[in-house]
Amino acid sequence: MGLEDKKKGRKPRVPKPKPPKTREEELLDRIQYLEAENEYLKKLSALVAEREKRERRNR
């Protein structure tokens, strides 16, 4: 009956379900996240302090 839509390309791949993480894996991920956040905040604090120091010097 007339023209039919044909799908092109590959079929979408269905991702395999990941096994649930153990408590230890969850805690290790949390530690890694918090360490990265801490490092970011330290760098941000240093940048703010440097900016304030420059502003005080220019006055």
C-alpha atoms as a PDB file:
ATOM      1  CA  MET A   1       0.000   0.000   0.000  1.00  0.00           C
ATOM      2  CA  GLY A   2       2.064   2.906  -1.093  1.00  0.00           C
ATOM      3  CA  LEU A   3       5.321   3.861   0.492  1.00  0.00           C
ATOM      4  CA  GLU A   4       6.371   2.440   3.827  1.00  0.00           C
ATOM      5  CA  ASP A   5       8.827   3.993   6.248  1.00  0.00           C
ATOM      6  CA  LYS A   6      12.037   2.034   6.463  1.00  0.00           C
ATOM      7  CA  LYS A   7      14.302   2.503   9.409  1.00  0.00           C
ATOM      8  CA  LYS A   8      17.905   3.127   8.478  1.00  0.00           C
ATOM      9  CA  GLY A   9      21.060   2.386  10.364  1.00  0.00           C
ATOM     10  CA  ARG A  10      21.743   0.062  13.227  1.00  0.00           C
ATOM     11  CA  LYS A  11      19.200  -0.960  15.763  1.00  0.00           C
ATOM     12  CA  PRO A  12      19.662   0.788  19.106  1.00  0.00           C
ATOM     13  CA  ARG A  13      21.795  -1.241  21.464  1.00  0.00           C
ATOM     14  CA  VAL A  14      20.112  -2.121  24.708  1.00  0.00           C
ATOM     15  CA  PRO A  15      22.600  -1.560  27.540  1.00  0.00           C
ATOM     16  CA  LYS A  16      23.143  -4.492  29.847  1.00  0.00           C
ATOM     17  CA  PRO A  17      21.909  -3.812  33.350  1.00  0.00           C
ATOM     18  CA  LYS A  18      24.794  -3.179  35.721  1.00  0.00           C
ATOM     19  CA  PRO A  19      24.984  -5.388  38.783  1.00  0.00           C
ATOM     20  CA  PRO A  20      24.187  -3.485  41.974  1.00  0.00           C
ATOM     21  CA  LYS A  21      27.216  -2.007  43.693  1.00  0.00           C
ATOM     22  CA  THR A  22      28.395  -3.410  46.940  1.00  0.00           C
ATOM     23  CA  ARG A  23      28.462  -1.185  49.996  1.00  0.00           C
ATOM     24  CA  GLU A  24      32.260  -1.026  49.734  1.00  0.00           C
ATOM     25  CA  GLU A  25      32.092   0.130  46.099  1.00  0.00           C
ATOM     26  CA  GLU A  26      29.521   2.787  47.001  1.00  0.00           C
ATOM     27  CA  LEU A  27      31.742   4.073  49.803  1.00  0.00           C
ATOM     28  CA  LEU A  28      34.832   4.125  47.574  1.00  0.00           C
ATOM     29  CA  ASP A  29      32.906   6.125  44.955  1.00  0.00           C
ATOM     30  CA  ARG A  30      31.732   8.525  47.672  1.00  0.00           C
ATOM     31  CA  ILE A  31      35.305   8.988  48.932  1.00  0.00           C
ATOM     32  CA  GLN A  32      36.539   9.690  45.401  1.00  0.00           C
ATOM     33  CA  TYR A  33      33.752  12.243  44.867  1.00  0.00           C
ATOM     34  CA  LEU A  34      34.434  14.000  48.165  1.00  0.00           C
ATOM     35  CA  GLU A  35      38.181  14.131  47.524  1.00  0.00           C
ATOM     36  CA  ALA A  36      37.585  15.727  44.123  1.00  0.00           C
ATOM     37  CA  GLU A  37      35.144  18.207  45.645  1.00  0.00           C
ATOM     38  CA  ASN A  38      37.621  19.061  48.400  1.00  0.00           C
ATOM     39  CA  GLU A  39      40.401  19.651  45.857  1.00  0.00           C
ATOM     40  CA  TYR A  40      38.104  21.895  43.808  1.00  0.00           C
ATOM     41  CA  LEU A  41      37.113  23.947  46.843  1.00  0.00           C
ATOM     42  CA  LYS A  42      40.754  24.387  47.900  1.00  0.00           C
ATOM     43  CA  LYS A  43      41.657  25.708  44.448  1.00  0.00           C
ATOM     44  CA  LEU A  44      38.627  27.995  44.430  1.00  0.00           C
ATOM     45  CA  SER A  45      39.541  29.339  47.857  1.00  0.00           C
ATOM     46  CA  ALA A  46      43.121  30.000  46.706  1.00  0.00           C
ATOM     47  CA  LEU A  47      41.868  31.886  43.644  1.00  0.00           C
ATOM     48  CA  VAL A  48      39.516  34.028  45.731  1.00  0.00           C
ATOM     49  CA  ALA A  49      42.300  34.789  48.223  1.00  0.00           C
ATOM     50  CA  GLU A  50      44.650  35.749  45.387  1.00  0.00           C
ATOM     51  CA  ARG A  51      42.036  38.042  43.855  1.00  0.00           C
ATOM     52  CA  GLU A  52      41.395  39.738  47.213  1.00  0.00           C
ATOM     53  CA  LYS A  53      45.139  40.167  47.729  1.00  0.00           C
ATOM     54  CA  ARG A  54      45.487  41.857  44.321  1.00  0.00           C
ATOM     55  CA  GLU A  55      42.503  44.126  45.027  1.00  0.00           C
ATOM     56  CA  ARG A  56      43.998  45.203  48.372  1.00  0.00           C
ATOM     57  CA  ARG A  57      47.354  45.888  46.725  1.00  0.00           C
ATOM     58  CA  ASN A  58      45.765  48.120  44.056  1.00  0.00           C
ATOM     59  CA  ARG A  59      44.112  50.421  46.584  1.00  0.00           C
END
